[in-house]
C-alpha atoms as a PDB file:
ATOM      1  CA  MET A   1      12.322  18.695  17.245  1.00  0.00           C
ATOM      2  CA  SER A   2       8.866  18.534  15.689  1.00  0.00           C
ATOM      3  CA  GLN A   3       8.454  16.253  12.696  1.00  0.00           C
ATOM      4  CA  VAL A   4       5.941  15.663   9.920  1.00  0.00           C
ATOM      5  CA  GLY A   5       4.546  12.209   9.187  1.00  0.00           C
ATOM      6  CA  LEU A   6       2.555  10.781   6.283  1.00  0.00           C
ATOM      7  CA  VAL A   7      -0.263   8.392   7.211  1.00  0.00           C
ATOM      8  CA  LEU A   8      -1.924   6.201   4.571  1.00  0.00           C
ATOM      9  CA  GLU A   9      -5.237   4.396   4.878  1.00  0.00           C
ATOM     10  CA  GLY A  10      -5.895   1.135   3.018  1.00  0.00           C
ATOM     11  CA  GLY A  11      -9.127   0.406   1.192  1.00  0.00           C
ATOM     12  CA  GLY A  12      -8.263  -2.132  -1.496  1.00  0.00           C
ATOM     13  CA  LEU A  13      -8.720  -0.770  -5.015  1.00  0.00           C
ATOM     14  CA  ARG A  14      -9.918   2.545  -3.576  1.00  0.00           C
ATOM     15  CA  GLY A  15      -6.211   3.023  -2.966  1.00  0.00           C
ATOM     16  CA  VAL A  16      -5.861   4.303  -6.532  1.00  0.00           C
ATOM     17  CA  TYR A  17      -6.954   7.620  -5.019  1.00  0.00           C
ATOM     18  CA  THR A  18      -3.878   7.450  -2.776  1.00  0.00           C
ATOM     19  CA  SER A  19      -1.637   6.551  -5.702  1.00  0.00           C
ATOM     20  CA  GLY A  20      -2.854   9.676  -7.496  1.00  0.00           C
ATOM     21  CA  ALA A  21      -2.100  11.813  -4.449  1.00  0.00           C
ATOM     22  CA  LEU A  22       1.379  10.326  -4.034  1.00  0.00           C
ATOM     23  CA  ASP A  23       2.154  10.857  -7.713  1.00  0.00           C
ATOM     24  CA  ALA A  24       1.263  14.512  -7.215  1.00  0.00           C
ATOM     25  CA  PHE A  25       3.681  14.559  -4.281  1.00  0.00           C
ATOM     26  CA  LEU A  26       6.411  13.211  -6.547  1.00  0.00           C
ATOM     27  CA  ASP A  27       5.707  15.894  -9.135  1.00  0.00           C
ATOM     28  CA  GLU A  28       5.804  18.568  -6.439  1.00  0.00           C
ATOM     29  CA  LYS A  29       8.931  17.036  -4.872  1.00  0.00           C
ATOM     30  CA  ILE A  30       7.132  16.515  -1.568  1.00  0.00           C
ATOM     31  CA  LYS A  31       9.172  13.892   0.266  1.00  0.00           C
ATOM     32  CA  ILE A  32       7.920  13.324   3.791  1.00  0.00           C
ATOM     33  CA  PRO A  33      10.621  11.481   5.780  1.00  0.00           C
ATOM     34  CA  TYR A  34       8.281   9.275   7.829  1.00  0.00           C
ATOM     35  CA  VAL A  35       5.517   7.205   6.202  1.00  0.00           C
ATOM     36  CA  ILE A  36       3.207   4.703   7.856  1.00  0.00           C
ATOM     37  CA  GLY A  37       0.361   2.804   6.265  1.00  0.00           C
ATOM     38  CA  VAL A  38      -1.708  -0.314   6.203  1.00  0.00           C
ATOM     39  CA  SER A  39      -2.842  -2.611   3.425  1.00  0.00           C
ATOM     40  CA  ALA A  40      -3.135  -0.788   0.075  1.00  0.00           C
ATOM     41  CA  GLY A  41      -1.550   2.247   1.709  1.00  0.00           C
ATOM     42  CA  VAL A  42       1.700   0.327   2.117  1.00  0.00           C
ATOM     43  CA  CYS A  43       1.526  -1.035  -1.435  1.00  0.00           C
ATOM     44  CA  ASN A  44       1.184   2.516  -2.751  1.00  0.00           C
ATOM     45  CA  ALA A  45       3.911   3.831  -0.477  1.00  0.00           C
ATOM     46  CA  VAL A  46       6.655   1.561  -1.797  1.00  0.00           C
ATOM     47  CA  SER A  47       6.374   3.126  -5.271  1.00  0.00           C
ATOM     48  CA  TYR A  48       6.393   6.578  -3.673  1.00  0.00           C
ATOM     49  CA  LEU A  49       9.682   5.780  -1.963  1.00  0.00           C
ATOM     50  CA  SER A  50      11.162   4.309  -5.156  1.00  0.00           C
ATOM     51  CA  ASN A  51      10.121   7.447  -7.065  1.00  0.00           C
ATOM     52  CA  GLN A  52       8.224   5.410  -9.666  1.00  0.00           C
ATOM     53  CA  LYS A  53       5.361   7.659 -10.676  1.00  0.00           C
ATOM     54  CA  GLY A  54       2.381   5.837 -12.154  1.00  0.00           C
ATOM     55  CA  ARG A  55       3.528   2.382 -11.121  1.00  0.00           C
ATOM     56  CA  SER A  56       0.956   1.678  -8.407  1.00  0.00           C
ATOM     57  CA  ALA A  57      -1.892   3.096 -10.466  1.00  0.00           C
ATOM     58  CA  ALA A  58      -0.956   1.004 -13.492  1.00  0.00           C
ATOM     59  CA  ILE A  59      -0.892  -2.197 -11.473  1.00  0.00           C
ATOM     60  CA  ASN A  60      -4.436  -1.703 -10.195  1.00  0.00           C
ATOM     61  CA  ILE A  61      -6.025  -0.063 -13.227  1.00  0.00           C
ATOM     62  CA  GLU A  62      -4.498  -2.252 -15.930  1.00  0.00           C
ATOM     63  CA  HIS A  63      -5.149  -5.467 -14.014  1.00  0.00           C
ATOM     64  CA  CYS A  64      -8.513  -4.799 -12.367  1.00  0.00           C
ATOM     65  CA  ASN A  65     -10.093  -7.447 -14.615  1.00  0.00           C
ATOM     66  CA  ASP A  66      -7.133  -9.803 -14.637  1.00  0.00           C
ATOM     67  CA  PRO A  67      -8.123 -13.064 -12.921  1.00  0.00           C
ATOM     68  CA  GLU A  68      -4.448 -13.772 -12.346  1.00  0.00           C
ATOM     69  CA  TYR A  69      -4.287 -10.665 -10.108  1.00  0.00           C
ATOM     70  CA  TYR A  70      -7.374 -11.237  -7.978  1.00  0.00           C
ATOM     71  CA  GLY A  71     -10.631 -13.109  -8.174  1.00  0.00           C
ATOM     72  CA  LEU A  72     -12.722 -16.048  -7.067  1.00  0.00           C
ATOM     73  CA  LYS A  73     -10.613 -18.525  -9.044  1.00  0.00           C
ATOM     74  CA  ASN A  74      -7.552 -17.605  -6.977  1.00  0.00           C
ATOM     75  CA  LEU A  75      -9.533 -18.051  -3.773  1.00  0.00           C
ATOM     76  CA  ILE A  76     -10.719 -21.507  -4.829  1.00  0.00           C
ATOM     77  CA  THR A  77      -7.442 -22.779  -6.273  1.00  0.00           C
ATOM     78  CA  LYS A  78      -4.865 -20.985  -4.133  1.00  0.00           C
ATOM     79  CA  GLY A  79      -6.683 -20.125  -0.929  1.00  0.00           C
ATOM     80  CA  SER A  80      -6.355 -16.361  -1.399  1.00  0.00           C
ATOM     81  CA  ILE A  81      -8.312 -13.906  -3.521  1.00  0.00           C
ATOM     82  CA  PHE A  82      -5.028 -12.238  -4.487  1.00  0.00           C
ATOM     83  CA  SER A  83      -2.303 -14.140  -6.328  1.00  0.00           C
ATOM     84  CA  GLU A  84       0.876 -14.125  -4.272  1.00  0.00           C
ATOM     85  CA  ASP A  85       2.967 -15.040  -7.298  1.00  0.00           C
ATOM     86  CA  MET A  86       1.490 -12.243  -9.390  1.00  0.00           C
ATOM     87  CA  LEU A  87       1.840  -9.580  -6.693  1.00  0.00           C
ATOM     88  CA  PHE A  88       5.229 -10.452  -5.268  1.00  0.00           C
ATOM     89  CA  ARG A  89       7.126 -11.995  -8.175  1.00  0.00           C
ATOM     90  CA  LYS A  90       5.661 -11.364 -11.615  1.00  0.00           C
ATOM     91  CA  MET A  91       4.734  -7.704 -11.096  1.00  0.00           C
ATOM     92  CA  PRO A  92       7.874  -6.433  -9.332  1.00  0.00           C
ATOM     93  CA  GLU A  93      10.273  -8.583 -11.359  1.00  0.00           C
ATOM     94  CA  GLU A  94       8.730  -8.677 -14.841  1.00  0.00           C
ATOM     95  CA  LEU A  95       5.704  -6.473 -15.519  1.00  0.00           C
ATOM     96  CA  TYR A  96       6.510  -3.410 -13.397  1.00  0.00           C
ATOM     97  CA  PRO A  97      10.158  -3.755 -12.319  1.00  0.00           C
ATOM     98  CA  PHE A  98      10.616  -2.295  -8.881  1.00  0.00           C
ATOM     99  CA  ASP A  99      13.622  -0.042  -8.215  1.00  0.00           C
ATOM    100  CA  TYR A 100      14.901  -1.467  -4.937  1.00  0.00           C
ATOM    101  CA  ASP A 101      18.012   0.718  -4.984  1.00  0.00           C
ATOM    102  CA  ALA A 102      15.987   3.927  -5.254  1.00  0.00           C
ATOM    103  CA  TYR A 103      13.687   2.665  -2.529  1.00  0.00           C
ATOM    104  CA  GLU A 104      16.478   1.881  -0.082  1.00  0.00           C
ATOM    105  CA  ASN A 105      18.228   5.196  -0.811  1.00  0.00           C
ATOM    106  CA  SER A 106      15.109   7.364  -0.567  1.00  0.00           C
ATOM    107  CA  GLY A 107      15.937   8.702   2.886  1.00  0.00           C
ATOM    108  CA  ILE A 108      12.354   7.913   3.957  1.00  0.00           C
ATOM    109  CA  GLN A 109      11.352   5.489   6.692  1.00  0.00           C
ATOM    110  CA  LEU A 110       8.327   3.364   5.807  1.00  0.00           C
ATOM    111  CA  PHE A 111       6.379   1.480   8.463  1.00  0.00           C
ATOM    112  CA  ALA A 112       3.689  -1.129   7.814  1.00  0.00           C
ATOM    113  CA  GLY A 113       0.927  -1.971  10.232  1.00  0.00           C
ATOM    114  CA  VAL A 114      -0.285  -5.565  10.547  1.00  0.00           C
ATOM    115  CA  THR A 115      -2.782  -7.317  12.792  1.00  0.00           C
ATOM    116  CA  ASP A 116      -1.566  -9.962  15.234  1.00  0.00           C
ATOM    117  CA  CYS A 117      -4.339 -12.555  15.009  1.00  0.00           C
ATOM    118  CA  VAL A 118      -3.547 -14.189  18.369  1.00  0.00           C
ATOM    119  CA  LYS A 119      -3.178 -11.018  20.407  1.00  0.00           C
ATOM    120  CA  GLY A 120      -5.885  -9.148  18.556  1.00  0.00           C
ATOM    121  CA  ALA A 121      -3.636  -6.108  18.384  1.00  0.00           C
ATOM    122  CA  PRO A 122      -1.640  -4.097  15.840  1.00  0.00           C
ATOM    123  CA  ALA A 123       2.068  -4.585  15.229  1.00  0.00           C
ATOM    124  CA  TYR A 124       4.361  -2.373  13.182  1.00  0.00           C
ATOM    125  CA  TYR A 125       7.472  -3.091  11.143  1.00  0.00           C
ATOM    126  CA  MET A 126       9.910  -0.730   9.463  1.00  0.00           C
ATOM    127  CA  LEU A 127      10.378  -1.817   5.859  1.00  0.00           C
ATOM    128  CA  ASP A 128      14.087  -1.309   5.412  1.00  0.00           C
ATOM    129  CA  GLY A 129      15.663  -4.165   3.462  1.00  0.00           C
ATOM    130  CA  LEU A 130      12.341  -4.532   1.645  1.00  0.00           C
ATOM    131  CA  LYS A 131      13.252  -7.665  -0.314  1.00  0.00           C
ATOM    132  CA  GLU A 132      13.541  -9.589   2.931  1.00  0.00           C
ATOM    133  CA  LYS A 133      10.328  -8.116   4.377  1.00  0.00           C
ATOM    134  CA  MET A 134       7.836  -8.707   1.590  1.00  0.00           C
ATOM    135  CA  ASP A 135       5.914 -11.024   3.906  1.00  0.00           C
ATOM    136  CA  ILE A 136       5.072  -7.954   6.002  1.00  0.00           C
ATOM    137  CA  VAL A 137       3.726  -6.126   2.952  1.00  0.00           C
ATOM    138  CA  LYS A 138       1.692  -9.226   2.175  1.00  0.00           C
ATOM    139  CA  ALA A 139       0.436  -9.564   5.749  1.00  0.00           C
ATOM    140  CA  SER A 140      -0.584  -5.916   5.893  1.00  0.00           C
ATOM    141  CA  SER A 141      -2.762  -6.279   2.798  1.00  0.00           C
ATOM    142  CA  TRP A 142      -4.053  -9.851   3.140  1.00  0.00           C
ATOM    143  CA  LEU A 143      -7.792  -9.377   3.730  1.00  0.00           C
ATOM    144  CA  PRO A 144      -9.724 -11.376   6.326  1.00  0.00           C
ATOM    145  CA  TYR A 145     -12.031 -14.167   5.134  1.00  0.00           C
ATOM    146  CA  VAL A 146     -10.492 -14.282   1.627  1.00  0.00           C
ATOM    147  CA  SER A 147      -6.788 -14.631   2.480  1.00  0.00           C
ATOM    148  CA  PRO A 148      -4.802 -16.997   4.697  1.00  0.00           C
ATOM    149  CA  MET A 149      -2.919 -15.742   7.722  1.00  0.00           C
ATOM    150  CA  VAL A 150       0.702 -14.874   7.065  1.00  0.00           C
ATOM    151  CA  GLU A 151       3.262 -16.419   9.401  1.00  0.00           C
ATOM    152  CA  TYR A 152       6.200 -14.142  10.164  1.00  0.00           C
ATOM    153  CA  ASP A 153       8.489 -13.761  13.138  1.00  0.00           C
ATOM    154  CA  GLY A 154       6.708 -16.667  14.822  1.00  0.00           C
ATOM    155  CA  LYS A 155       3.358 -14.881  14.684  1.00  0.00           C
ATOM    156  CA  LYS A 156       0.229 -14.968  12.560  1.00  0.00           C
ATOM    157  CA  PHE A 157      -0.795 -11.779  10.798  1.00  0.00           C
ATOM    158  CA  LEU A 158      -3.580 -10.378   8.650  1.00  0.00           C
ATOM    159  CA  ASP A 159      -4.630  -7.015   7.192  1.00  0.00           C
ATOM    160  CA  GLY A 160      -3.317  -4.120   9.261  1.00  0.00           C
ATOM    161  CA  GLY A 161      -6.572  -2.272   8.697  1.00  0.00           C
ATOM    162  CA  ILE A 162      -8.384  -4.606  11.081  1.00  0.00           C
ATOM    163  CA  SER A 163      -6.604  -3.369  14.199  1.00  0.00           C
ATOM    164  CA  ASP A 164      -5.386   0.109  13.203  1.00  0.00           C
ATOM    165  CA  PRO A 165      -7.143   1.268  10.029  1.00  0.00           C
ATOM    166  CA  ILE A 166      -5.544   4.727   9.945  1.00  0.00           C
ATOM    167  CA  PRO A 167      -2.341   4.579  12.057  1.00  0.00           C
ATOM    168  CA  ILE A 168      -2.227   8.253  13.008  1.00  0.00           C
ATOM    169  CA  LYS A 169      -1.692   7.597  16.713  1.00  0.00           C
ATOM    170  CA  LYS A 170       1.335   5.422  15.985  1.00  0.00           C
ATOM    171  CA  SER A 171       2.795   8.215  13.858  1.00  0.00           C
ATOM    172  CA  MET A 172       2.303  10.692  16.687  1.00  0.00           C
ATOM    173  CA  GLN A 173       3.811   8.270  19.206  1.00  0.00           C
ATOM    174  CA  ASP A 174       6.862   8.126  16.950  1.00  0.00           C
ATOM    175  CA  GLY A 175       7.336  11.873  17.304  1.00  0.00           C
ATOM    176  CA  ASN A 176       5.334  13.315  14.413  1.00  0.00           C
ATOM    177  CA  ASP A 177       3.164  16.035  15.926  1.00  0.00           C
ATOM    178  CA  ARG A 178       2.117  17.250  12.468  1.00  0.00           C
ATOM    179  CA  ASN A 179       0.785  14.808   9.891  1.00  0.00           C
ATOM    180  CA  VAL A 180      -0.462  14.565   6.344  1.00  0.00           C
ATOM    181  CA  ILE A 181      -3.205  11.931   6.256  1.00  0.00           C
ATOM    182  CA  ILE A 182      -4.562  10.373   3.060  1.00  0.00           C
ATOM    183  CA  LEU A 183      -7.979   8.754   3.388  1.00  0.00           C
ATOM    184  CA  THR A 184      -9.944   6.843   0.762  1.00  0.00           C
ATOM    185  CA  GLN A 185     -13.461   7.780   1.839  1.00  0.00           C
ATOM    186  CA  PRO A 186     -15.077  11.232   1.547  1.00  0.00           C
ATOM    187  CA  LYS A 187     -15.911  13.580   4.418  1.00  0.00           C
ATOM    188  CA  GLY A 188     -18.805  12.321   6.500  1.00  0.00           C
ATOM    189  CA  TYR A 189     -18.301   8.629   5.766  1.00  0.00           C
ATOM    190  CA  GLN A 190     -19.024   6.266   8.661  1.00  0.00           C
ATOM    191  CA  LYS A 191     -18.257   2.558   8.634  1.00  0.00           C
ATOM    192  CA  GLN A 192     -21.224   0.324   9.416  1.00  0.00           C
ATOM    193  CA  PRO A 193     -21.157  -2.784  11.640  1.00  0.00           C
ATOM    194  CA  SER A 194     -19.957  -5.930   9.924  1.00  0.00           C
ATOM    195  CA  LYS A 195     -22.529  -8.314   8.485  1.00  0.00           C
ATOM    196  CA  ALA A 196     -20.076 -11.198   8.755  1.00  0.00           C
ATOM    197  CA  ALA A 197     -20.137 -11.684  12.535  1.00  0.00           C
ATOM    198  CA  LEU A 198     -21.209 -15.319  12.289  1.00  0.00           C
ATOM    199  CA  LEU A 199     -18.622 -16.070   9.609  1.00  0.00           C
ATOM    200  CA  ALA A 200     -15.922 -14.495  11.789  1.00  0.00           C
ATOM    201  CA  LYS A 201     -16.915 -16.689  14.750  1.00  0.00           C
ATOM    202  CA  LEU A 202     -16.816 -19.794  12.589  1.00  0.00           C
ATOM    203  CA  LYS A 203     -13.697 -19.106  10.543  1.00  0.00           C
ATOM    204  CA  TYR A 204     -11.628 -17.645  13.365  1.00  0.00           C
ATOM    205  CA  ARG A 205     -13.008 -19.575  16.331  1.00  0.00           C
ATOM    206  CA  ARG A 206      -9.440 -20.352  17.454  1.00  0.00           C
ATOM    207  CA  TYR A 207      -8.658 -16.629  17.511  1.00  0.00           C
ATOM    208  CA  PRO A 208     -11.251 -15.025  19.822  1.00  0.00           C
ATOM    209  CA  LYS A 209      -9.382 -11.735  20.069  1.00  0.00           C
ATOM    210  CA  LEU A 210      -9.404 -11.423  16.279  1.00  0.00           C
ATOM    211  CA  VAL A 211     -13.147 -12.139  16.266  1.00  0.00           C
ATOM    212  CA  ALA A 212     -13.649  -9.358  18.813  1.00  0.00           C
ATOM    213  CA  LEU A 213     -11.596  -6.974  16.683  1.00  0.00           C
ATOM    214  CA  LEU A 214     -13.633  -7.738  13.585  1.00  0.00           C
ATOM    215  CA  ALA A 215     -16.876  -7.172  15.494  1.00  0.00           C
ATOM    216  CA  ALA A 216     -15.722  -3.770  16.782  1.00  0.00           C
ATOM    217  CA  ARG A 217     -13.928  -2.715  13.614  1.00  0.00           C
ATOM    218  CA  HIS A 218     -16.506  -0.128  12.609  1.00  0.00           C
ATOM    219  CA  GLN A 219     -16.342   1.632  15.961  1.00  0.00           C
ATOM    220  CA  LEU A 220     -12.540   1.781  15.925  1.00  0.00           C
ATOM    221  CA  TYR A 221     -12.605   3.220  12.425  1.00  0.00           C
ATOM    222  CA  ASN A 222     -15.230   5.835  13.221  1.00  0.00           C
ATOM    223  CA  ASP A 223     -13.464   6.842  16.445  1.00  0.00           C
ATOM    224  CA  THR A 224     -10.234   7.283  14.491  1.00  0.00           C
ATOM    225  CA  LEU A 225     -11.998   9.515  11.973  1.00  0.00           C
ATOM    226  CA  ALA A 226     -13.330  11.668  14.816  1.00  0.00           C
ATOM    227  CA  TYR A 227      -9.797  11.961  16.224  1.00  0.00           C
ATOM    228  CA  ILE A 228      -8.471  12.976  12.805  1.00  0.00           C
ATOM    229  CA  ASP A 229     -11.181  15.624  12.499  1.00  0.00           C
ATOM    230  CA  ARG A 230     -10.001  17.140  15.782  1.00  0.00           C
ATOM    231  CA  LEU A 231      -6.389  17.159  14.616  1.00  0.00           C
ATOM    232  CA  GLU A 232      -7.429  18.845  11.384  1.00  0.00           C
ATOM    233  CA  THR A 233      -9.435  21.486  13.251  1.00  0.00           C
ATOM    234  CA  ASP A 234      -6.476  22.157  15.551  1.00  0.00           C
ATOM    235  CA  GLY A 235      -4.079  22.565  12.630  1.00  0.00           C
ATOM    236  CA  GLN A 236      -2.118  19.435  13.502  1.00  0.00           C
ATOM    237  CA  ALA A 237      -3.049  17.576  10.340  1.00  0.00           C
ATOM    238  CA  ILE A 238      -3.637  18.182   6.669  1.00  0.00           C
ATOM    239  CA  VAL A 239      -6.179  15.628   5.509  1.00  0.00           C
ATOM    240  CA  LEU A 240      -6.532  14.513   1.920  1.00  0.00           C
ATOM    241  CA  ARG A 241      -9.799  12.701   1.302  1.00  0.00           C
ATOM    242  CA  PRO A 242     -11.870  12.287  -1.874  1.00  0.00           C
ATOM    243  CA  SER A 243     -13.551  15.628  -2.583  1.00  0.00           C
ATOM    244  CA  GLU A 244     -16.413  13.642  -4.065  1.00  0.00           C
ATOM    245  CA  SER A 245     -17.586  10.056  -3.694  1.00  0.00           C
ATOM    246  CA  LEU A 246     -15.372   7.592  -5.534  1.00  0.00           C
ATOM    247  CA  GLY A 247     -18.153   5.086  -6.055  1.00  0.00           C
ATOM    248  CA  LEU A 248     -15.630   2.260  -5.828  1.00  0.00           C
ATOM    249  CA  SER A 249     -15.779  -1.109  -4.153  1.00  0.00           C
ATOM    250  CA  ARG A 250     -12.779  -2.608  -2.384  1.00  0.00           C
ATOM    251  CA  LEU A 251     -12.362  -4.974  -5.347  1.00  0.00           C
ATOM    252  CA  GLU A 252     -13.490  -2.639  -8.133  1.00  0.00           C
ATOM    253  CA  LYS A 253     -13.586  -4.007 -11.700  1.00  0.00           C
ATOM    254  CA  ASP A 254     -14.401  -0.796 -13.599  1.00  0.00           C
ATOM    255  CA  ALA A 255     -11.161   0.615 -15.019  1.00  0.00           C
ATOM    256  CA  GLU A 256     -12.748   3.954 -15.939  1.00  0.00           C
ATOM    257  CA  LYS A 257     -13.911   4.489 -12.369  1.00  0.00           C
ATOM    258  CA  LEU A 258     -10.419   3.668 -11.146  1.00  0.00           C
ATOM    259  CA  LYS A 259      -8.868   6.153 -13.570  1.00  0.00           C
ATOM    260  CA  ALA A 260     -11.275   8.836 -12.349  1.00  0.00           C
ATOM    261  CA  ALA A 261     -10.338   8.085  -8.723  1.00  0.00           C
ATOM    262  CA  TYR A 262      -6.649   8.378  -9.599  1.00  0.00           C
ATOM    263  CA  ARG A 263      -7.200  11.744 -11.288  1.00  0.00           C
ATOM    264  CA  LEU A 264      -9.205  12.967  -8.292  1.00  0.00           C
ATOM    265  CA  GLY A 265      -6.438  11.939  -5.882  1.00  0.00           C
ATOM    266  CA  TYR A 266      -3.890  13.794  -8.000  1.00  0.00           C
ATOM    267  CA  ALA A 267      -6.049  16.932  -8.191  1.00  0.00           C
ATOM    268  CA  ASP A 268      -6.923  16.923  -4.483  1.00  0.00           C
ATOM    269  CA  ALA A 269      -3.248  16.594  -3.575  1.00  0.00           C
ATOM    270  CA  MET A 270      -2.202  19.364  -5.918  1.00  0.00           C
ATOM    271  CA  ALA A 271      -4.799  21.630  -4.311  1.00  0.00           C
ATOM    272  CA  LYS A 272      -3.112  21.169  -0.935  1.00  0.00           C
ATOM    273  CA  ALA A 273       0.498  20.899  -2.105  1.00  0.00           C
ATOM    274  CA  GLU A 274       1.482  24.397  -0.996  1.00  0.00           C
ATOM    275  CA  ALA A 275      -0.101  23.935   2.440  1.00  0.00           C
ATOM    276  CA  ILE A 276       1.843  20.685   2.855  1.00  0.00           C
ATOM    277  CA  LYS A 277       5.105  22.326   1.817  1.00  0.00           C
ATOM    278  CA  LYS A 278       4.424  25.131   4.287  1.00  0.00           C
ATOM    279  CA  MET A 279       3.854  22.620   7.087  1.00  0.00           C
ATOM    280  CA  MET A 280       7.077  20.824   6.246  1.00  0.00           C
ATOM    281  CA  HIS A 281       9.056  24.052   6.040  1.00  0.00           C
ATOM    282  CA  ALA A 282       7.675  25.246   9.381  1.00  0.00           C
ATOM    283  CA  GLU A 283       8.794  22.022  11.059  1.00  0.00           C
ATOM    284  CA  SER A 284      12.201  21.721   9.390  1.00  0.00           C
END
């Protein structure tokens, strides 16, 4: 039987757009049974599954200027621009308690994409039993150059967006011939070649396949966008993308800009809520 999937792009702090869209889904009671994402997309998705509206947005907006969350000091003192303790202990346990029971009982399967640094290829993990798989969430969102590789399952992983920035093909391979796709760049955006080619060769010289991936990352991303455009034209996908430029950097520090991006994500999702419900009903 045909199924509907939900595919979430990353994009760092631009992911507040996605959190706005997913909060609209919660308000409209849109629960898509299969979700796959990378990087910030996965971080947003966990609060969608746990039915905690506003949680993901609050984390990024309220702490965008918090050096304990991310910043150069963390990179210098801890080897990663993001604080592992802040993200995976203090926030879910103290500041924004995460509802693990609601998450595990959501009836939704969540998959995270990561990049295998040795093979130079994507890998995917289902995030059931989330408490025991937080290293996968970390690996999926740990950015190259400013984060260490994450060792898990005898492998070394980094940001899933390197090898599969918008995992639509994986969703389709898993049986979802109709998909809702949330992007964090507006229509017409094209990724440019990396300016860090030399740094990649130096930092990752022991991982030549990762270096090759980083060099070709822009082409993979742009090819995926072209594929998504064809799916949208053919009626196989409903694509949510910013209806206007967000004007955000991956590590945005302007809370007002982040709030505006959240509101735009919510509004854009509400505008397509009925079309999404219709797609889900047609495939049920």
